[in-house]
Protein backbone atom coordinates (compact mmCIF):
# COMPACT_ATOMS: atom_id res chain seq x y z
CA MET A 1 -106.27 17.54 -55.30
CA ASP A 2 -107.27 21.06 -54.22
CA LEU A 3 -109.54 22.49 -56.91
CA MET A 4 -109.87 25.73 -54.91
CA ASN A 5 -106.15 26.60 -54.86
CA ASP A 6 -104.28 24.50 -57.44
CA PRO A 7 -103.43 26.66 -60.53
CA ASN A 8 -103.03 23.46 -62.59
CA ASN A 9 -106.48 22.19 -61.58
CA CYS A 10 -108.41 25.35 -60.79
CA GLY A 11 -112.16 24.83 -60.36
CA SER A 12 -112.03 21.52 -62.23
CA CYS A 13 -109.58 18.73 -62.95
CA GLY A 14 -107.04 19.52 -65.66
CA TYR A 15 -107.90 23.22 -65.97
CA LYS A 16 -104.59 25.08 -65.90
CA CYS A 17 -104.71 28.80 -65.24
CA PRO A 18 -103.20 30.83 -68.11
CA VAL A 19 -100.60 33.65 -67.66
CA PHE A 20 -100.94 36.79 -69.79
CA VAL A 21 -98.79 39.25 -67.83
CA SER A 22 -95.01 39.27 -68.12
CA ALA A 23 -93.19 38.58 -64.85
CA ALA A 24 -96.41 37.20 -63.33
CA LYS A 25 -97.51 33.77 -62.22
CA ALA A 26 -100.85 32.01 -62.24
CA VAL A 27 -102.70 31.48 -58.96
CA CYS A 28 -105.98 29.86 -58.10
CA GLN A 29 -108.15 31.42 -55.44
CA ALA A 30 -111.50 30.00 -54.44
CA GLY A 31 -111.55 28.05 -57.68
CA GLN A 32 -110.97 31.13 -59.85
CA CYS A 33 -107.86 31.79 -61.94
CA GLU A 34 -105.93 34.93 -61.16
CA GLN A 35 -102.46 36.34 -61.79
CA ALA A 36 -99.91 37.70 -59.32
CA CYS A 37 -96.51 39.28 -59.81
CA ILE A 38 -93.57 37.02 -59.05
CA ALA A 39 -91.44 39.75 -57.43
CA ALA A 40 -92.43 40.84 -53.94
CA GLY A 41 -93.91 44.35 -53.71
CA GLU A 42 -95.01 44.48 -57.36
CA THR A 43 -98.54 45.04 -58.66
CA ILE A 44 -100.11 44.33 -62.03
CA CYS A 45 -100.84 47.65 -63.78
CA GLY A 46 -101.85 47.77 -67.43
CA GLY A 47 -100.58 44.33 -68.31
CA SER A 48 -97.22 44.65 -66.55
CA CYS A 49 -95.79 44.06 -63.11
CA VAL A 50 -94.60 47.31 -61.54
CA ASN A 51 -93.53 48.60 -58.15
CA THR A 52 -95.99 51.35 -57.23
CA ASN A 53 -93.52 52.64 -54.64
CA THR A 54 -91.03 53.65 -57.31
CA ASP A 55 -92.78 53.70 -60.73
CA PRO A 56 -93.46 57.35 -61.79
CA HIS A 57 -96.16 56.14 -64.22
CA ASN A 58 -97.97 54.18 -61.53
CA CYS A 59 -97.05 55.96 -58.32
CA GLY A 60 -98.97 54.77 -55.27
CA SER A 61 -101.61 53.22 -57.50
CA CYS A 62 -102.09 52.13 -61.10
CA ASP A 63 -102.18 54.94 -63.70
CA HIS A 64 -101.17 57.62 -61.21
CA TYR A 65 -98.66 59.52 -63.35
CA CYS A 66 -96.12 61.89 -61.79
CA ASP A 67 -96.06 65.22 -63.64
CA SER A 68 -92.64 66.85 -64.00
CA PRO A 69 -92.24 70.53 -63.10
CA TYR A 70 -91.43 72.68 -66.13
CA GLY A 71 -87.67 72.51 -66.59
CA GLY A 72 -87.28 69.61 -64.12
CA SER A 73 -88.03 65.94 -63.61
CA ALA A 74 -90.28 63.77 -61.48
CA SER A 75 -89.77 60.58 -59.52
CA CYS A 76 -91.83 58.28 -57.32
CA VAL A 77 -90.54 57.78 -53.79
CA GLY A 78 -92.41 55.62 -51.30
CA GLY A 79 -95.54 55.77 -53.45
CA GLY A 80 -95.54 59.58 -53.60
CA CYS A 81 -94.59 61.89 -56.46
CA GLN A 82 -91.58 64.15 -56.00
CA GLY A 83 -90.40 66.85 -58.39
CA SER A 84 -86.78 67.81 -58.74
CA CYS A 85 -84.95 70.69 -60.42
CA SER A 86 -81.42 71.14 -61.66
CA SER A 87 -78.78 72.76 -59.45
CA GLY A 88 -79.55 76.39 -58.72
CA LYS A 89 -83.27 75.98 -59.41
CA THR A 90 -86.18 75.56 -57.02
CA GLN A 91 -89.62 74.13 -57.73
CA CYS A 92 -92.32 76.78 -57.32
CA GLY A 93 -95.69 75.37 -58.27
CA SER A 94 -95.29 73.60 -61.60
CA LYS A 95 -92.02 75.30 -62.63
CA CYS A 96 -88.34 75.18 -61.82
CA VAL A 97 -87.12 78.74 -61.26
CA SER A 98 -84.11 80.65 -60.02
CA LEU A 99 -84.96 82.39 -56.73
CA TYR A 100 -81.94 84.59 -57.48
CA SER A 101 -83.44 86.25 -60.55
CA ASP A 102 -87.08 85.21 -61.08
CA ASP A 103 -89.31 88.31 -60.88
CA TYR A 104 -92.31 86.26 -59.72
CA ASN A 105 -90.46 84.12 -57.16
CA CYS A 106 -87.72 86.34 -55.78
CA GLY A 107 -85.87 84.90 -52.80
CA LYS A 108 -88.78 82.57 -52.10
CA CYS A 109 -91.73 81.07 -53.97
CA GLY A 110 -94.57 83.51 -54.54
CA ASN A 111 -92.60 86.70 -53.83
CA ASP A 112 -93.77 88.70 -56.86
CA CYS A 113 -91.63 91.78 -57.57
CA THR A 114 -93.90 92.90 -60.39
CA ALA A 115 -96.75 93.43 -57.90
CA LEU A 116 -94.79 96.16 -56.08
CA LEU A 117 -95.56 99.77 -56.95
CA PRO A 118 -92.35 101.48 -58.14
CA PRO A 119 -91.40 104.92 -56.81
CA SER A 120 -92.61 107.90 -58.81
CA GLY A 121 -90.10 108.38 -61.63
CA GLY A 122 -88.38 105.05 -60.96
CA SER A 123 -88.12 101.75 -62.81
CA PRO A 124 -90.40 98.73 -62.21
CA TYR A 125 -89.22 96.34 -59.49
CA SER A 126 -87.23 93.32 -60.65
CA CYS A 127 -85.44 90.46 -58.89
CA GLN A 128 -81.76 91.10 -58.33
CA ALA A 129 -79.69 88.80 -56.12
CA SER A 130 -82.88 87.37 -54.55
CA LYS A 131 -84.26 90.81 -53.61
CA CYS A 132 -86.89 92.99 -55.28
CA LYS A 133 -85.14 96.17 -56.36
CA THR A 134 -85.93 99.34 -58.28
CA SER A 135 -83.75 102.18 -59.53
CA CYS A 136 -84.02 105.92 -60.01
CA PRO A 137 -82.66 107.92 -62.95
CA SER A 138 -79.12 109.23 -62.75
CA GLY A 139 -78.87 112.03 -60.22
CA LYS A 140 -81.98 110.95 -58.35
CA THR A 141 -82.34 109.07 -55.05
CA GLN A 142 -85.25 106.96 -53.86
CA CYS A 143 -86.85 108.55 -50.82
CA GLY A 144 -89.99 106.62 -49.85
CA ASP A 145 -92.22 106.35 -52.91
CA GLN A 146 -90.46 109.02 -54.98
CA CYS A 147 -87.24 109.56 -56.89
CA VAL A 148 -85.92 112.97 -55.83
CA ASP A 149 -82.92 115.22 -56.35
CA THR A 150 -81.42 115.59 -52.88
CA GLN A 151 -79.46 118.60 -54.11
CA SER A 152 -82.62 120.66 -54.53
CA ASP A 153 -85.52 118.92 -52.75
CA ASN A 154 -86.26 120.87 -49.57
CA LEU A 155 -88.09 117.87 -48.07
CA ASN A 156 -85.08 115.62 -48.68
CA CYS A 157 -82.16 118.03 -48.64
CA GLY A 158 -78.85 116.21 -48.77
CA SER A 159 -80.48 113.02 -47.51
CA CYS A 160 -83.90 111.41 -47.34
CA GLY A 161 -86.21 112.99 -44.79
CA HIS A 162 -84.05 116.05 -44.11
CA VAL A 163 -86.57 118.92 -44.24
CA CYS A 164 -85.36 122.50 -44.52
CA SER A 165 -86.75 124.45 -41.56
CA GLY A 166 -88.69 127.65 -42.05
CA ASN A 167 -89.69 126.48 -45.54
CA HIS A 168 -86.31 127.53 -46.88
CA ALA A 169 -85.07 126.14 -50.18
CA CYS A 170 -82.53 123.38 -50.65
CA ASP A 171 -79.50 124.57 -52.58
CA TYR A 172 -76.78 122.06 -53.56
CA SER A 173 -77.79 119.65 -50.77
CA LYS A 174 -77.80 122.37 -48.09
CA CYS A 175 -80.66 124.40 -46.69
CA SER A 176 -80.52 128.05 -47.79
CA THR A 177 -80.86 130.88 -45.30
CA ASN A 178 -82.05 133.53 -47.74
CA SER A 179 -84.24 131.81 -50.37
CA CYS A 180 -87.64 130.17 -49.96
CA ALA A 181 -88.77 126.79 -51.23
CA TYR A 182 -92.24 128.08 -52.11
CA ASP A 183 -93.77 131.58 -52.12
CA THR A 184 -91.85 134.49 -50.58
CA CYS A 185 -93.79 137.18 -48.77
CA THR A 186 -92.77 140.57 -47.28
CA VAL A 187 -94.99 140.34 -44.24
CA ASP A 188 -96.19 143.31 -42.19
CA ASP A 189 -99.23 141.92 -40.41
CA LYS A 190 -97.33 142.14 -37.14
CA TYR A 191 -97.19 145.89 -36.89
CA ASP A 192 -95.05 145.95 -33.80
CA SER A 193 -92.23 144.04 -35.52
CA GLY A 194 -92.32 145.92 -38.81
CA LYS A 195 -91.83 144.39 -42.24
CA HIS A 196 -89.91 141.15 -42.60
CA THR A 197 -89.48 138.42 -45.19
CA GLU A 198 -91.33 135.20 -44.52
CA CYS A 199 -91.30 131.88 -46.43
CA CYS A 200 -94.81 130.53 -46.98
CA ASP A 201 -95.32 126.80 -46.68
CA GLN A 202 -96.32 124.45 -49.51
CA THR A 203 -100.04 125.03 -49.05
CA GLN A 204 -99.85 128.83 -48.78
CA SER A 205 -99.31 131.84 -50.99
CA CYS A 206 -98.53 135.48 -50.33
CA LYS A 207 -101.85 137.28 -49.80
CA TYR A 208 -102.87 140.77 -48.71
CA PHE A 209 -105.63 142.77 -47.10
CA TRP A 210 -106.36 146.50 -47.20
CA GLY A 211 -105.76 148.71 -44.23
CA THR A 212 -104.78 152.30 -43.49
CA ASP A 213 -101.54 153.83 -42.38
CA ILE A 214 -101.10 156.41 -39.58
CA ASN A 215 -102.10 159.12 -42.02
CA GLY A 216 -105.32 157.37 -42.97
CA ASN A 217 -104.08 156.35 -46.40
CA SER A 218 -105.09 152.96 -47.83
CA VAL A 219 -102.27 150.44 -47.78
CA LYS A 220 -101.86 146.72 -48.48
CA HIS A 221 -100.73 144.43 -45.69
CA TYR A 222 -99.16 141.14 -46.85
CA TYR A 223 -99.22 137.74 -45.14
CA CYS A 224 -98.79 134.02 -45.87
CA GLY A 225 -102.12 132.30 -46.01
């Protein structure tokens, strides 16, 4: 009789090891009663025999619970927790989202459209077809960080980036040859060329200084400055 290993005579003659766990068996080790799961690969967790490789409530170890992503489900595979989402959804952090339309996970997890600065006069960025997009009011076009009217914007005349030369105005998407975008000045500071019309740039205005004509009379001379 082996009192060290016999579950029917464990530690002393006639002492039978009890079984309290379902699907377990009694064993005697070094004269002490213990319990072991009957099925191979199972472990006793909380009074039951479970497979910690597949049990989402005891995944990898006892009491290790697999949390489900919001809108999805969780499973235990090979002792590790895995989240899953329904078709068309992707797990980003603790949520199942649509990368096609989620403003905070657009096209990929963490791509936050709401963090983008919209163009001046435009709408906030939102996720559309997996891309962060904004829109300008009717009749306006996005050029860089602004919504502009390409029919009248001399810095974006007809198309983005098309600047009217000579500071001329943009008129119906074409650069004018006779009207200025900013201040107009009848310049005569170049005495050898006589008076001529000049378009001042955005930072200038038409200014003057006093001088004298050939007869010694006081006269204003105009210039862009």
